[in-house]
Protein backbone atom coordinates (compact mmCIF):
# COMPACT_ATOMS: atom_id res chain seq x y z
CA GLN A 1 -92.92 -26.95 102.41
CA LEU A 2 -93.37 -30.41 101.02
CA PRO A 3 -96.83 -31.57 99.88
CA SER A 4 -98.43 -34.13 102.10
CA VAL A 5 -98.19 -37.75 100.90
CA CYS A 6 -100.78 -40.44 101.27
CA LEU A 7 -99.68 -44.03 101.15
CA THR A 8 -101.48 -46.15 98.65
CA PRO A 9 -103.22 -48.99 100.47
CA GLN A 10 -102.67 -52.56 99.42
CA VAL A 11 -105.96 -53.95 98.28
CA PHE A 12 -106.33 -57.71 97.70
CA PRO A 13 -109.13 -60.17 97.36
CA VAL A 14 -108.79 -62.36 100.49
CA ASP A 15 -107.81 -65.44 98.47
CA ILE A 16 -105.04 -63.62 96.68
CA TRP A 17 -103.77 -62.32 100.13
CA ILE A 18 -103.87 -65.90 101.42
CA ARG A 19 -101.90 -67.20 98.43
CA ARG A 20 -99.27 -64.45 98.84
CA GLN A 21 -98.79 -65.30 102.57
CA TRP A 22 -98.41 -68.91 101.75
CA GLN A 23 -95.85 -68.18 98.99
CA GLN A 24 -93.90 -65.86 101.40
CA ILE A 25 -93.82 -68.60 104.03
CA ILE A 26 -92.43 -71.06 101.54
CA ALA A 27 -89.85 -68.49 100.16
CA THR A 28 -88.66 -67.18 103.50
CA THR A 29 -88.88 -69.91 106.11
CA MET A 30 -89.19 -73.13 104.14
CA ASP A 31 -91.58 -73.92 106.92
CA SER A 32 -93.88 -75.67 104.54
CA ARG A 33 -93.03 -77.32 101.37
CA LYS A 34 -96.59 -77.82 100.19
CA GLN A 35 -97.41 -76.13 97.00
CA ILE A 36 -100.85 -74.81 96.25
CA LEU A 37 -102.97 -77.10 94.10
CA GLU A 38 -104.51 -74.76 91.53
CA PRO A 39 -108.25 -75.17 91.03
CA ILE A 40 -108.02 -76.31 87.44
CA LEU A 41 -105.52 -78.98 88.51
CA GLU A 42 -107.55 -79.89 91.52
CA SER A 43 -110.52 -80.47 89.28
CA SER A 44 -108.44 -82.79 87.11
CA VAL A 45 -107.26 -84.69 90.24
CA TRP A 46 -110.82 -85.14 91.37
CA GLN A 47 -111.78 -86.35 87.91
CA ASP A 48 -108.97 -88.85 87.87
CA ILE A 49 -109.82 -90.16 91.25
CA ILE A 50 -113.45 -90.66 90.45
CA ALA A 51 -112.76 -92.21 87.08
CA GLN A 52 -110.34 -94.74 88.64
CA SER A 53 -112.63 -95.65 91.50
CA ASP A 54 -114.90 -98.62 91.57
CA SER A 55 -117.92 -96.35 92.36
CA GLY A 56 -117.05 -93.94 89.63
CA ALA A 57 -116.79 -96.60 86.92
CA ALA A 58 -120.54 -96.78 86.38
CA LEU A 59 -121.05 -92.92 86.42
CA VAL A 60 -122.17 -91.33 83.11
CA ASN A 61 -121.08 -87.79 84.04
CA LYS A 62 -117.77 -88.15 85.79
CA HIS A 63 -116.88 -84.50 85.10
CA GLY A 64 -120.01 -83.25 86.76
CA THR A 65 -119.56 -85.57 89.64
CA ALA A 66 -115.98 -84.44 90.08
CA ARG A 67 -117.09 -80.81 90.20
CA SER A 68 -119.72 -81.63 92.76
CA ALA A 69 -117.25 -83.59 94.85
CA GLN A 70 -114.62 -80.78 94.68
CA GLU A 71 -117.28 -78.21 95.67
CA ALA A 72 -118.51 -80.44 98.60
CA TRP A 73 -114.89 -80.76 99.80
CA ARG A 74 -114.47 -76.96 99.64
CA LEU A 75 -117.67 -76.43 101.55
CA MET A 76 -116.56 -78.89 104.19
CA GLN A 77 -113.41 -76.91 104.75
CA LEU A 78 -115.24 -73.52 104.75
CA TRP A 79 -117.87 -74.66 107.22
CA LYS A 80 -115.33 -76.62 109.25
CA ILE A 81 -117.18 -79.94 108.93
CA SER A 82 -114.89 -82.58 110.13
CA LEU A 83 -114.22 -85.82 108.17
CA ALA A 84 -114.98 -87.71 111.34
CA ASP A 85 -118.46 -86.19 111.48
CA VAL A 86 -119.12 -87.01 107.81
CA ARG A 87 -117.93 -90.55 108.44
CA ARG A 88 -120.41 -90.88 111.44
CA GLN A 89 -123.15 -89.46 109.11
CA SER A 90 -122.06 -92.05 106.46
CA HIS A 91 -122.52 -94.92 108.79
CA PHE A 92 -125.99 -93.76 109.82
CA HIS A 93 -126.96 -92.95 106.24
CA ASN A 94 -125.89 -96.43 105.03
CA VAL A 95 -127.80 -98.19 107.80
CA VAL A 96 -130.99 -96.20 107.22
CA ASN A 97 -130.99 -95.90 103.45
CA ASN A 98 -128.80 -98.84 102.44
CA ALA A 99 -127.02 -96.27 100.04
CA ASP A 100 -123.42 -95.80 99.36
CA ASP A 101 -123.12 -92.42 97.76
CA LEU A 102 -121.58 -90.91 100.89
CA SER A 103 -119.26 -93.85 101.24
CA ALA A 104 -118.08 -93.35 97.66
CA PHE A 105 -117.53 -89.58 98.48
CA LEU A 106 -115.52 -90.53 101.60
CA SER A 107 -113.40 -92.89 99.59
CA TRP A 108 -112.74 -90.11 97.00
CA ILE A 109 -111.71 -87.81 99.85
CA ASP A 110 -109.25 -90.31 101.18
CA SER A 111 -107.80 -90.70 97.73
CA PHE A 112 -107.51 -86.98 97.19
CA GLU A 113 -105.90 -86.43 100.58
CA LYS A 114 -103.42 -89.19 99.82
CA PHE A 115 -102.61 -87.74 96.38
CA CYS A 116 -102.02 -84.32 97.99
CA ASP A 117 -99.77 -85.71 100.65
CA THR A 118 -97.85 -87.80 98.27
CA HIS A 119 -97.21 -84.89 95.89
CA GLY A 120 -96.75 -82.14 98.56
CA LEU A 121 -99.91 -80.22 97.49
CA ILE A 122 -102.49 -78.28 99.41
CA SER A 123 -105.91 -77.19 98.06
CA LEU A 124 -107.03 -73.62 98.30
CA SER A 125 -109.84 -74.74 100.59
CA GLU A 126 -107.36 -76.18 103.11
CA LEU A 127 -104.95 -73.28 102.72
CA VAL A 128 -107.00 -70.91 104.81
CA ALA A 129 -106.75 -73.06 107.87
CA GLN A 130 -102.96 -73.37 107.43
CA VAL A 131 -102.62 -69.56 107.06
CA ILE A 132 -104.59 -69.07 110.34
CA GLU A 133 -102.19 -71.50 112.00
CA LYS A 134 -99.18 -69.61 110.71
CA ILE A 135 -100.60 -66.30 111.89
CA THR A 136 -101.17 -67.76 115.41
CA GLU A 137 -97.60 -69.09 115.43
CA GLY A 138 -96.34 -65.69 114.42
CA LYS A 139 -94.94 -66.91 111.12
CA ILE A 140 -97.04 -64.44 109.15
CA ARG A 141 -96.75 -60.79 109.88
CA VAL A 142 -100.17 -59.29 109.86
CA PRO A 143 -100.60 -55.68 108.56
CA GLN A 144 -101.28 -53.32 111.58
CA ASN A 145 -104.17 -51.66 109.78
CA ILE A 146 -106.72 -53.80 107.94
CA VAL A 147 -109.99 -52.85 106.40
CA LEU A 148 -112.30 -55.70 105.43
CA ALA A 149 -114.96 -55.28 102.78
CA GLY A 150 -117.73 -57.80 102.00
CA PHE A 151 -117.49 -59.96 105.04
CA GLN A 152 -120.95 -59.59 106.36
CA MET A 153 -121.68 -63.27 106.85
CA PRO A 154 -118.53 -65.22 106.41
CA PRO A 155 -118.40 -69.04 106.78
CA PRO A 156 -116.76 -70.22 110.02
CA LEU A 157 -113.34 -70.71 108.56
CA TYR A 158 -113.15 -67.06 107.30
CA SER A 159 -114.58 -65.96 110.68
CA ASP A 160 -111.65 -67.66 112.32
CA LEU A 161 -109.29 -65.90 109.87
CA ILE A 162 -110.88 -62.48 110.69
CA SER A 163 -110.49 -63.25 114.45
CA SER A 164 -106.83 -64.17 113.89
CA LEU A 165 -106.18 -60.96 111.95
CA LYS A 166 -107.99 -58.97 114.60
CA ASP A 167 -105.92 -60.56 117.38
CA ASN A 168 -102.69 -59.73 115.57
CA SER A 169 -103.25 -56.25 114.20
CA LYS A 170 -103.64 -52.90 115.83
CA ASN A 171 -106.64 -51.81 113.82
CA LEU A 172 -109.19 -54.05 112.00
CA GLN A 173 -112.22 -52.35 110.59
CA HIS A 174 -115.17 -53.54 108.55
CA PHE A 175 -115.90 -51.25 105.65
CA THR A 176 -119.55 -50.42 105.29
CA PRO A 177 -120.31 -48.75 101.90
CA PRO A 178 -122.55 -45.75 102.18
CA ARG A 179 -126.14 -46.34 101.14
CA HIS A 180 -127.43 -44.22 98.25
């Protein structure tokens, strides 16, 4: 009699799994030609955009500002804050405070999006929404058995990803480690 065999599960951090799905879409369907903008290069793009902007010329710490702008952009994506909502806030903020920090940030976002569109790039923060869309369209084959670990309070974008995975798999479970 043959010994029983246990399949080794595939274990990935979610961002690695998302990257792999995107690369597979590009390789198999050519459905999207956008390449992933790696974080270090994304940081460089933000720095260049800020350094070349009128509002960035007077900044002393362009590198720190670029890091903050990149993180704010990432958080906007994760928490599904629309650019239109931020623009409305900008208008209100400028009227009340006569300040233009938010306007400068919006200008940097516009430049960042234009750069990405021109060069066929997508940031990791935008990639999650695209993967959700591809799952919904049936262009990503979701594993039938999924165990999630560490998703106790995910931001809305990851909650949408989890819902999409749940809708397209047979068995999605949340792993809860035993308490010792």
